Amino acid sequence: FEALYDEDSRILVLGSFPSVKSREQKFFYGHPQNRFWQVTAAV
């Protein structure tokens, strides 16, 4: 799948390579136990 950004993006967060779950969903941090979404939501 493609990068997610737009002309207003100011921060670039880079992972290594998508997990099996992320590859299945075709989107970032798709494993239910990955804490990316919880962490960034709190931040």
ModelCIF file with pLDDT and N, C-alpha, C, O atoms, coordinates in Angstrom:
data_MODEL
#
_entry.id   MODEL 
#
_entity.id                         1 
_entity.type                       polymer 
_entity.pdbx_number_of_molecules   1 
#
_entity_poly.entity_id                      1 
_entity_poly.type                           'polypeptide(L)' 
_entity_poly.nstd_linkage                   no 
_entity_poly.nstd_monomer                   no 
_entity_poly.pdbx_seq_one_letter_code       FEALYDEDSRILVLGSFPSVKSREQKFFYGHPQNRFWQVTAAV 
_entity_poly.pdbx_seq_one_letter_code_can   FEALYDEDSRILVLGSFPSVKSREQKFFYGHPQNRFWQVTAAV 
_entity_poly.pdbx_strand_id                 A 
#
loop_
_entity_poly_seq.entity_id 
_entity_poly_seq.num 
_entity_poly_seq.mon_id 
_entity_poly_seq.hetero 
1 1  PHE n 
1 2  GLU n 
1 3  ALA n 
1 4  LEU n 
1 5  TYR n 
1 6  ASP n 
1 7  GLU n 
1 8  ASP n 
1 9  SER n 
1 10 ARG n 
1 11 ILE n 
1 12 LEU n 
1 13 VAL n 
1 14 LEU n 
1 15 GLY n 
1 16 SER n 
1 17 PHE n 
1 18 PRO n 
1 19 SER n 
1 20 VAL n 
1 21 LYS n 
1 22 SER n 
1 23 ARG n 
1 24 GLU n 
1 25 GLN n 
1 26 LYS n 
1 27 PHE n 
1 28 PHE n 
1 29 TYR n 
1 30 GLY n 
1 31 HIS n 
1 32 PRO n 
1 33 GLN n 
1 34 ASN n 
1 35 ARG n 
1 36 PHE n 
1 37 TRP n 
1 38 GLN n 
1 39 VAL n 
1 40 THR n 
1 41 ALA n 
1 42 ALA n 
1 43 VAL n 
#
_struct_asym.id          A 
_struct_asym.entity_id   1 
#
loop_
_ma_qa_metric.id 
_ma_qa_metric.mode 
_ma_qa_metric.name 
_ma_qa_metric.software_group_id 
_ma_qa_metric.type 
1 global pLDDT . pLDDT 
2 local  pLDDT . pLDDT 
#
_ma_qa_metric_global.metric_id      1 
_ma_qa_metric_global.metric_value   96.86 
_ma_qa_metric_global.model_id       1 
_ma_qa_metric_global.ordinal_id     1 
#
loop_
_ma_qa_metric_local.label_asym_id 
_ma_qa_metric_local.label_comp_id 
_ma_qa_metric_local.label_seq_id 
_ma_qa_metric_local.metric_id 
_ma_qa_metric_local.metric_value 
_ma_qa_metric_local.model_id 
_ma_qa_metric_local.ordinal_id 
A PHE 1  2 97.00 1 1  
A GLU 2  2 96.00 1 2  
A ALA 3  2 98.00 1 3  
A LEU 4  2 98.00 1 4  
A TYR 5  2 98.00 1 5  
A ASP 6  2 98.00 1 6  
A GLU 7  2 98.00 1 7  
A ASP 8  2 98.00 1 8  
A SER 9  2 98.00 1 9  
A ARG 10 2 98.00 1 10 
A ILE 11 2 98.00 1 11 
A LEU 12 2 98.00 1 12 
A VAL 13 2 98.00 1 13 
A LEU 14 2 98.00 1 14 
A GLY 15 2 97.00 1 15 
A SER 16 2 97.00 1 16 
A PHE 17 2 97.00 1 17 
A PRO 18 2 96.00 1 18 
A SER 19 2 95.00 1 19 
A VAL 20 2 95.00 1 20 
A LYS 21 2 95.00 1 21 
A SER 22 2 96.00 1 22 
A ARG 23 2 96.00 1 23 
A GLU 24 2 96.00 1 24 
A GLN 25 2 95.00 1 25 
A LYS 26 2 96.00 1 26 
A PHE 27 2 97.00 1 27 
A PHE 28 2 98.00 1 28 
A TYR 29 2 97.00 1 29 
A GLY 30 2 95.00 1 30 
A HIS 31 2 93.00 1 31 
A PRO 32 2 92.00 1 32 
A GLN 33 2 94.00 1 33 
A ASN 34 2 97.00 1 34 
A ARG 35 2 98.00 1 35 
A PHE 36 2 98.00 1 36 
A TRP 37 2 98.00 1 37 
A GLN 38 2 98.00 1 38 
A VAL 39 2 98.00 1 39 
A THR 40 2 98.00 1 40 
A ALA 41 2 98.00 1 41 
A ALA 42 2 98.00 1 42 
A VAL 43 2 98.00 1 43 
#
loop_
_atom_site.group_PDB 
_atom_site.id 
_atom_site.type_symbol 
_atom_site.label_atom_id 
_atom_site.label_alt_id 
_atom_site.label_comp_id 
_atom_site.label_asym_id 
_atom_site.label_entity_id 
_atom_site.label_seq_id 
_atom_site.pdbx_PDB_ins_code 
_atom_site.Cartn_x 
_atom_site.Cartn_y 
_atom_site.Cartn_z 
_atom_site.occupancy 
_atom_site.B_iso_or_equiv 
_atom_site.pdbx_formal_charge 
_atom_site.auth_seq_id 
_atom_site.auth_comp_id 
_atom_site.auth_asym_id 
_atom_site.auth_atom_id 
_atom_site.pdbx_PDB_model_num 
ATOM 1   N N  . PHE A 1 1  ? 0.839  -1.201 0.000  1.00 97.00 ? 1  PHE A N  1 
ATOM 2   C CA . PHE A 1 1  ? 0.000  0.000  0.000  1.00 97.00 ? 1  PHE A CA 1 
ATOM 3   C C  . PHE A 1 1  ? 0.872  1.249  0.000  1.00 97.00 ? 1  PHE A C  1 
ATOM 4   O O  . PHE A 1 1  ? 2.084  1.177  0.205  1.00 97.00 ? 1  PHE A O  1 
ATOM 5   N N  . GLU A 1 2  ? 0.242  2.389  -0.231 1.00 96.00 ? 2  GLU A N  1 
ATOM 6   C CA . GLU A 1 2  ? 0.951  3.651  -0.414 1.00 96.00 ? 2  GLU A CA 1 
ATOM 7   C C  . GLU A 1 2  ? 1.170  4.395  0.902  1.00 96.00 ? 2  GLU A C  1 
ATOM 8   O O  . GLU A 1 2  ? 0.539  4.106  1.919  1.00 96.00 ? 2  GLU A O  1 
ATOM 9   N N  . ALA A 1 3  ? 2.066  5.343  0.848  1.00 98.00 ? 3  ALA A N  1 
ATOM 10  C CA . ALA A 1 3  ? 2.296  6.251  1.971  1.00 98.00 ? 3  ALA A CA 1 
ATOM 11  C C  . ALA A 1 3  ? 1.037  7.073  2.219  1.00 98.00 ? 3  ALA A C  1 
ATOM 12  O O  . ALA A 1 3  ? 0.231  7.285  1.313  1.00 98.00 ? 3  ALA A O  1 
ATOM 13  N N  . LEU A 1 4  ? 0.882  7.528  3.446  1.00 98.00 ? 4  LEU A N  1 
ATOM 14  C CA . LEU A 1 4  ? -0.230 8.422  3.767  1.00 98.00 ? 4  LEU A CA 1 
ATOM 15  C C  . LEU A 1 4  ? 0.363  9.776  4.158  1.00 98.00 ? 4  LEU A C  1 
ATOM 16  O O  . LEU A 1 4  ? 1.088  9.884  5.147  1.00 98.00 ? 4  LEU A O  1 
ATOM 17  N N  . TYR A 1 5  ? 0.053  10.788 3.384  1.00 98.00 ? 5  TYR A N  1 
ATOM 18  C CA . TYR A 1 5  ? 0.518  12.148 3.656  1.00 98.00 ? 5  TYR A CA 1 
ATOM 19  C C  . TYR A 1 5  ? -0.299 13.105 2.801  1.00 98.00 ? 5  TYR A C  1 
ATOM 20  O O  . TYR A 1 5  ? -1.013 12.695 1.886  1.00 98.00 ? 5  TYR A O  1 
ATOM 21  N N  . ASP A 1 6  ? -0.180 14.384 3.117  1.00 98.00 ? 6  ASP A N  1 
ATOM 22  C CA . ASP A 1 6  ? -0.737 15.425 2.266  1.00 98.00 ? 6  ASP A CA 1 
ATOM 23  C C  . ASP A 1 6  ? 0.166  16.643 2.338  1.00 98.00 ? 6  ASP A C  1 
ATOM 24  O O  . ASP A 1 6  ? 1.189  16.619 3.023  1.00 98.00 ? 6  ASP A O  1 
ATOM 25  N N  . GLU A 1 7  ? -0.200 17.699 1.644  1.00 98.00 ? 7  GLU A N  1 
ATOM 26  C CA . GLU A 1 7  ? 0.675  18.874 1.583  1.00 98.00 ? 7  GLU A CA 1 
ATOM 27  C C  . GLU A 1 7  ? 0.836  19.557 2.926  1.00 98.00 ? 7  GLU A C  1 
ATOM 28  O O  . GLU A 1 7  ? 1.775  20.334 3.102  1.00 98.00 ? 7  GLU A O  1 
ATOM 29  N N  . ASP A 1 8  ? -0.054 19.293 3.891  1.00 98.00 ? 8  ASP A N  1 
ATOM 30  C CA . ASP A 1 8  ? 0.035  19.902 5.223  1.00 98.00 ? 8  ASP A CA 1 
ATOM 31  C C  . ASP A 1 8  ? 0.770  19.039 6.238  1.00 98.00 ? 8  ASP A C  1 
ATOM 32  O O  . ASP A 1 8  ? 0.927  19.449 7.388  1.00 98.00 ? 8  ASP A O  1 
ATOM 33  N N  . SER A 1 9  ? 1.221  17.860 5.844  1.00 98.00 ? 9  SER A N  1 
ATOM 34  C CA . SER A 1 9  ? 1.946  16.983 6.774  1.00 98.00 ? 9  SER A CA 1 
ATOM 35  C C  . SER A 1 9  ? 3.223  17.673 7.243  1.00 98.00 ? 9  SER A C  1 
ATOM 36  O O  . SER A 1 9  ? 3.983  18.211 6.437  1.00 98.00 ? 9  SER A O  1 
ATOM 37  N N  . ARG A 1 10 ? 3.450  17.651 8.554  1.00 98.00 ? 10 ARG A N  1 
ATOM 38  C CA . ARG A 1 10 ? 4.654  18.272 9.129  1.00 98.00 ? 10 ARG A CA 1 
ATOM 39  C C  . ARG A 1 10 ? 5.556  17.248 9.808  1.00 98.00 ? 10 ARG A C  1 
ATOM 40  O O  . ARG A 1 10 ? 6.745  17.493 10.009 1.00 98.00 ? 10 ARG A O  1 
ATOM 41  N N  . ILE A 1 11 ? 4.991  16.118 10.153 1.00 98.00 ? 11 ILE A N  1 
ATOM 42  C CA . ILE A 1 11 ? 5.701  15.070 10.888 1.00 98.00 ? 11 ILE A CA 1 
ATOM 43  C C  . ILE A 1 11 ? 5.667  13.812 10.034 1.00 98.00 ? 11 ILE A C  1 
ATOM 44  O O  . ILE A 1 11 ? 4.617  13.443 9.507  1.00 98.00 ? 11 ILE A O  1 
ATOM 45  N N  . LEU A 1 12 ? 6.808  13.157 9.897  1.00 98.00 ? 12 LEU A N  1 
ATOM 46  C CA . LEU A 1 12 ? 6.866  11.883 9.177  1.00 98.00 ? 12 LEU A CA 1 
ATOM 47  C C  . LEU A 1 12 ? 7.253  10.799 10.164 1.00 98.00 ? 12 LEU A C  1 
ATOM 48  O O  . LEU A 1 12 ? 8.329  10.844 10.761 1.00 98.00 ? 12 LEU A O  1 
ATOM 49  N N  . VAL A 1 13 ? 6.361  9.815  10.335 1.00 98.00 ? 13 VAL A N  1 
ATOM 50  C CA . VAL A 1 13 ? 6.630  8.661  11.187 1.00 98.00 ? 13 VAL A CA 1 
ATOM 51  C C  . VAL A 1 13 ? 6.874  7.468  10.275 1.00 98.00 ? 13 VAL A C  1 
ATOM 52  O O  . VAL A 1 13 ? 6.046  7.131  9.429  1.00 98.00 ? 13 VAL A O  1 
ATOM 53  N N  . LEU A 1 14 ? 8.023  6.841  10.464 1.00 98.00 ? 14 LEU A N  1 
ATOM 54  C CA . LEU A 1 14 ? 8.424  5.727  9.614  1.00 98.00 ? 14 LEU A CA 1 
ATOM 55  C C  . LEU A 1 14 ? 8.516  4.422  10.382 1.00 98.00 ? 14 LEU A C  1 
ATOM 56  O O  . LEU A 1 14 ? 9.205  4.321  11.397 1.00 98.00 ? 14 LEU A O  1 
ATOM 57  N N  . GLY A 1 15 ? 7.811  3.435  9.880  1.00 97.00 ? 15 GLY A N  1 
ATOM 58  C CA . GLY A 1 15 ? 7.979  2.078  10.381 1.00 97.00 ? 15 GLY A CA 1 
ATOM 59  C C  . GLY A 1 15 ? 9.029  1.385  9.538  1.00 97.00 ? 15 GLY A C  1 
ATOM 60  O O  . GLY A 1 15 ? 9.645  2.007  8.672  1.00 97.00 ? 15 GLY A O  1 
ATOM 61  N N  . SER A 1 16 ? 9.236  0.110  9.782  1.00 97.00 ? 16 SER A N  1 
ATOM 62  C CA . SER A 1 16 ? 10.198 -0.657 8.984  1.00 97.00 ? 16 SER A CA 1 
ATOM 63  C C  . SER A 1 16 ? 9.499  -1.237 7.763  1.00 97.00 ? 16 SER A C  1 
ATOM 64  O O  . SER A 1 16 ? 9.770  -0.836 6.631  1.00 97.00 ? 16 SER A O  1 
ATOM 65  N N  . PHE A 1 17 ? 8.596  -2.185 8.002  1.00 97.00 ? 17 PHE A N  1 
ATOM 66  C CA . PHE A 1 17 ? 7.852  -2.863 6.940  1.00 97.00 ? 17 PHE A CA 1 
ATOM 67  C C  . PHE A 1 17 ? 6.565  -3.369 7.569  1.00 97.00 ? 17 PHE A C  1 
ATOM 68  O O  . PHE A 1 17 ? 6.577  -3.765 8.735  1.00 97.00 ? 17 PHE A O  1 
ATOM 69  N N  . PRO A 1 18 ? 5.455  -3.370 6.841  1.00 96.00 ? 18 PRO A N  1 
ATOM 70  C CA . PRO A 1 18 ? 4.177  -3.741 7.468  1.00 96.00 ? 18 PRO A CA 1 
ATOM 71  C C  . PRO A 1 18 ? 4.135  -5.196 7.943  1.00 96.00 ? 18 PRO A C  1 
ATOM 72  O O  . PRO A 1 18 ? 4.673  -6.101 7.305  1.00 96.00 ? 18 PRO A O  1 
ATOM 73  N N  . SER A 1 19 ? 3.485  -5.377 9.069  1.00 95.00 ? 19 SER A N  1 
ATOM 74  C CA . SER A 1 19 ? 3.275  -6.719 9.620  1.00 95.00 ? 19 SER A CA 1 
ATOM 75  C C  . SER A 1 19 ? 2.308  -7.500 8.728  1.00 95.00 ? 19 SER A C  1 
ATOM 76  O O  . SER A 1 19 ? 1.697  -6.943 7.816  1.00 95.00 ? 19 SER A O  1 
ATOM 77  N N  . VAL A 1 20 ? 2.185  -8.774 9.003  1.00 95.00 ? 20 VAL A N  1 
ATOM 78  C CA . VAL A 1 20 ? 1.231  -9.608 8.262  1.00 95.00 ? 20 VAL A CA 1 
ATOM 79  C C  . VAL A 1 20 ? -0.170 -9.000 8.350  1.00 95.00 ? 20 VAL A C  1 
ATOM 80  O O  . VAL A 1 20 ? -0.862 -8.890 7.339  1.00 95.00 ? 20 VAL A O  1 
ATOM 81  N N  . LYS A 1 21 ? -0.589 -8.604 9.558  1.00 95.00 ? 21 LYS A N  1 
ATOM 82  C CA . LYS A 1 21 ? -1.928 -8.021 9.741  1.00 95.00 ? 21 LYS A CA 1 
ATOM 83  C C  . LYS A 1 21 ? -2.088 -6.717 8.961  1.00 95.00 ? 21 LYS A C  1 
ATOM 84  O O  . LYS A 1 21 ? -3.134 -6.475 8.359  1.00 95.00 ? 21 LYS A O  1 
ATOM 85  N N  . SER A 1 22 ? -1.054 -5.881 8.973  1.00 96.00 ? 22 SER A N  1 
ATOM 86  C CA . SER A 1 22 ? -1.120 -4.624 8.225  1.00 96.00 ? 22 SER A CA 1 
ATOM 87  C C  . SER A 1 22 ? -1.168 -4.888 6.726  1.00 96.00 ? 22 SER A C  1 
ATOM 88  O O  . SER A 1 22 ? -1.870 -4.195 5.990  1.00 96.00 ? 22 SER A O  1 
ATOM 89  N N  . ARG A 1 23 ? -0.423 -5.886 6.278  1.00 96.00 ? 23 ARG A N  1 
ATOM 90  C CA . ARG A 1 23 ? -0.452 -6.236 4.853  1.00 96.00 ? 23 ARG A CA 1 
ATOM 91  C C  . ARG A 1 23 ? -1.834 -6.741 4.471  1.00 96.00 ? 23 ARG A C  1 
ATOM 92  O O  . ARG A 1 23 ? -2.319 -6.438 3.381  1.00 96.00 ? 23 ARG A O  1 
ATOM 93  N N  . GLU A 1 24 ? -2.479 -7.506 5.347  1.00 96.00 ? 24 GLU A N  1 
ATOM 94  C CA . GLU A 1 24 ? -3.837 -7.995 5.064  1.00 96.00 ? 24 GLU A CA 1 
ATOM 95  C C  . GLU A 1 24 ? -4.820 -6.831 4.972  1.00 96.00 ? 24 GLU A C  1 
ATOM 96  O O  . GLU A 1 24 ? -5.669 -6.798 4.080  1.00 96.00 ? 24 GLU A O  1 
ATOM 97  N N  . GLN A 1 25 ? -4.704 -5.883 5.889  1.00 95.00 ? 25 GLN A N  1 
ATOM 98  C CA . GLN A 1 25 ? -5.624 -4.735 5.926  1.00 95.00 ? 25 GLN A CA 1 
ATOM 99  C C  . GLN A 1 25 ? -5.257 -3.654 4.912  1.00 95.00 ? 25 GLN A C  1 
ATOM 100 O O  . GLN A 1 25 ? -6.067 -2.785 4.590  1.00 95.00 ? 25 GLN A O  1 
ATOM 101 N N  . LYS A 1 26 ? -4.017 -3.725 4.415  1.00 96.00 ? 26 LYS A N  1 
ATOM 102 C CA . LYS A 1 26 ? -3.486 -2.709 3.504  1.00 96.00 ? 26 LYS A CA 1 
ATOM 103 C C  . LYS A 1 26 ? -3.499 -1.322 4.146  1.00 96.00 ? 26 LYS A C  1 
ATOM 104 O O  . LYS A 1 26 ? -3.836 -0.318 3.518  1.00 96.00 ? 26 LYS A O  1 
ATOM 105 N N  . PHE A 1 27 ? -3.109 -1.311 5.450  1.00 97.00 ? 27 PHE A N  1 
ATOM 106 C CA . PHE A 1 27 ? -2.968 -0.044 6.162  1.00 97.00 ? 27 PHE A CA 1 
ATOM 107 C C  . PHE A 1 27 ? -2.043 -0.230 7.362  1.00 97.00 ? 27 PHE A C  1 
ATOM 108 O O  . PHE A 1 27 ? -1.828 -1.342 7.845  1.00 97.00 ? 27 PHE A O  1 
ATOM 109 N N  . PHE A 1 28 ? -1.515 0.878  7.816  1.00 98.00 ? 28 PHE A N  1 
ATOM 110 C CA . PHE A 1 28 ? -0.487 0.910  8.845  1.00 98.00 ? 28 PHE A CA 1 
ATOM 111 C C  . PHE A 1 28 ? -0.967 0.442  10.217 1.00 98.00 ? 28 PHE A C  1 
ATOM 112 O O  . PHE A 1 28 ? -2.102 0.692  10.623 1.00 98.00 ? 28 PHE A O  1 
ATOM 113 N N  . TYR A 1 29 ? -0.080 -0.234 10.903 1.00 97.00 ? 29 TYR A N  1 
ATOM 114 C CA . TYR A 1 29 ? -0.276 -0.638 12.296 1.00 97.00 ? 29 TYR A CA 1 
ATOM 115 C C  . TYR A 1 29 ? -1.601 -1.367 12.509 1.00 97.00 ? 29 TYR A C  1 
ATOM 116 O O  . TYR A 1 29 ? -2.418 -0.993 13.350 1.00 97.00 ? 29 TYR A O  1 
ATOM 117 N N  . GLY A 1 30 ? -1.778 -2.414 11.718 1.00 95.00 ? 30 GLY A N  1 
ATOM 118 C CA . GLY A 1 30 ? -3.034 -3.158 11.726 1.00 95.00 ? 30 GLY A CA 1 
ATOM 119 C C  . GLY A 1 30 ? -3.139 -4.253 12.764 1.00 95.00 ? 30 GLY A C  1 
ATOM 120 O O  . GLY A 1 30 ? -4.232 -4.762 13.012 1.00 95.00 ? 30 GLY A O  1 
ATOM 121 N N  . HIS A 1 31 ? -2.026 -4.629 13.379 1.00 93.00 ? 31 HIS A N  1 
ATOM 122 C CA . HIS A 1 31 ? -2.097 -5.668 14.413 1.00 93.00 ? 31 HIS A CA 1 
ATOM 123 C C  . HIS A 1 31 ? -2.839 -5.094 15.613 1.00 93.00 ? 31 HIS A C  1 
ATOM 124 O O  . HIS A 1 31 ? -2.490 -4.013 16.087 1.00 93.00 ? 31 HIS A O  1 
ATOM 125 N N  . PRO A 1 32 ? -3.846 -5.790 16.109 1.00 92.00 ? 32 PRO A N  1 
ATOM 126 C CA . PRO A 1 32 ? -4.662 -5.231 17.199 1.00 92.00 ? 32 PRO A CA 1 
ATOM 127 C C  . PRO A 1 32 ? -3.864 -4.935 18.471 1.00 92.00 ? 32 PRO A C  1 
ATOM 128 O O  . PRO A 1 32 ? -4.295 -4.130 19.296 1.00 92.00 ? 32 PRO A O  1 
ATOM 129 N N  . GLN A 1 33 ? -2.705 -5.579 18.635 1.00 94.00 ? 33 GLN A N  1 
ATOM 130 C CA . GLN A 1 33 ? -1.907 -5.320 19.835 1.00 94.00 ? 33 GLN A CA 1 
ATOM 131 C C  . GLN A 1 33 ? -0.809 -4.288 19.609 1.00 94.00 ? 33 GLN A C  1 
ATOM 132 O O  . GLN A 1 33 ? -0.076 -3.959 20.541 1.00 94.00 ? 33 GLN A O  1 
ATOM 133 N N  . ASN A 1 34 ? -0.682 -3.773 18.386 1.00 97.00 ? 34 ASN A N  1 
ATOM 134 C CA . ASN A 1 34 ? 0.271  -2.692 18.164 1.00 97.00 ? 34 ASN A CA 1 
ATOM 135 C C  . ASN A 1 34 ? -0.306 -1.444 18.821 1.00 97.00 ? 34 ASN A C  1 
ATOM 136 O O  . ASN A 1 34 ? -1.487 -1.137 18.656 1.00 97.00 ? 34 ASN A O  1 
ATOM 137 N N  . ARG A 1 35 ? 0.521  -0.735 19.557 1.00 98.00 ? 35 ARG A N  1 
ATOM 138 C CA . ARG A 1 35 ? 0.035  0.384  20.369 1.00 98.00 ? 35 ARG A CA 1 
ATOM 139 C C  . ARG A 1 35 ? 0.154  1.745  19.676 1.00 98.00 ? 35 ARG A C  1 
ATOM 140 O O  . ARG A 1 35 ? -0.054 2.780  20.309 1.00 98.00 ? 35 ARG A O  1 
ATOM 141 N N  . PHE A 1 36 ? 0.483  1.752  18.392 1.00 98.00 ? 36 PHE A N  1 
ATOM 142 C CA . PHE A 1 36 ? 0.660  3.017  17.677 1.00 98.00 ? 36 PHE A CA 1 
ATOM 143 C C  . PHE A 1 36 ? -0.555 3.936  17.813 1.00 98.00 ? 36 PHE A C  1 
ATOM 144 O O  . PHE A 1 36 ? -0.407 5.118  18.123 1.00 98.00 ? 36 PHE A O  1 
ATOM 145 N N  . TRP A 1 37 ? -1.731 3.407  17.587 1.00 98.00 ? 37 TRP A N  1 
ATOM 146 C CA . TRP A 1 37 ? -2.927 4.258  17.595 1.00 98.00 ? 37 TRP A CA 1 
ATOM 147 C C  . TRP A 1 37 ? -3.257 4.744  18.994 1.00 98.00 ? 37 TRP A C  1 
ATOM 148 O O  . TRP A 1 37 ? -3.695 5.882  19.164 1.00 98.00 ? 37 TRP A O  1 
ATOM 149 N N  . GLN A 1 38 ? -3.057 3.905  19.998 1.00 98.00 ? 38 GLN A N  1 
ATOM 150 C CA . GLN A 1 38 ? -3.280 4.329  21.388 1.00 98.00 ? 38 GLN A CA 1 
ATOM 151 C C  . GLN A 1 38 ? -2.278 5.410  21.784 1.00 98.00 ? 38 GLN A C  1 
ATOM 152 O O  . GLN A 1 38 ? -2.643 6.409  22.404 1.00 98.00 ? 38 GLN A O  1 
ATOM 153 N N  . VAL A 1 39 ? -1.026 5.204  21.423 1.00 98.00 ? 39 VAL A N  1 
ATOM 154 C CA . VAL A 1 39 ? 0.030  6.148  21.784 1.00 98.00 ? 39 VAL A CA 1 
ATOM 155 C C  . VAL A 1 39 ? -0.205 7.495  21.116 1.00 98.00 ? 39 VAL A C  1 
ATOM 156 O O  . VAL A 1 39 ? -0.199 8.525  21.790 1.00 98.00 ? 39 VAL A O  1 
ATOM 157 N N  . THR A 1 40 ? -0.410 7.507  19.814 1.00 98.00 ? 40 THR A N  1 
ATOM 158 C CA . THR A 1 40 ? -0.583 8.779  19.114 1.00 98.00 ? 40 THR A CA 1 
ATOM 159 C C  . THR A 1 40 ? -1.870 9.487  19.533 1.00 98.00 ? 40 THR A C  1 
ATOM 160 O O  . THR A 1 40 ? -1.907 10.716 19.607 1.00 98.00 ? 40 THR A O  1 
ATOM 161 N N  . ALA A 1 41 ? -2.914 8.726  19.806 1.00 98.00 ? 41 ALA A N  1 
ATOM 162 C CA . ALA A 1 41 ? -4.157 9.353  20.290 1.00 98.00 ? 41 ALA A CA 1 
ATOM 163 C C  . ALA A 1 41 ? -3.908 10.037 21.635 1.00 98.00 ? 41 ALA A C  1 
ATOM 164 O O  . ALA A 1 41 ? -4.380 11.152 21.856 1.00 98.00 ? 41 ALA A O  1 
ATOM 165 N N  . ALA A 1 42 ? -3.184 9.392  22.519 1.00 98.00 ? 42 ALA A N  1 
ATOM 166 C CA . ALA A 1 42 ? -2.866 10.002 23.819 1.00 98.00 ? 42 ALA A CA 1 
ATOM 167 C C  . ALA A 1 42 ? -1.983 11.233 23.638 1.00 98.00 ? 42 ALA A C  1 
ATOM 168 O O  . ALA A 1 42 ? -2.207 12.255 24.285 1.00 98.00 ? 42 ALA A O  1 
ATOM 169 N N  . VAL A 1 43 ? -0.989 11.142 22.768 1.00 98.00 ? 43 VAL A N  1 
ATOM 170 C CA . VAL A 1 43 ? -0.080 12.272 22.520 1.00 98.00 ? 43 VAL A CA 1 
ATOM 171 C C  . VAL A 1 43 ? -0.847 13.486 22.001 1.00 98.00 ? 43 VAL A C  1 
ATOM 172 O O  . VAL A 1 43 ? -0.247 14.528 21.737 1.00 98.00 ? 43 VAL A O  1 
#
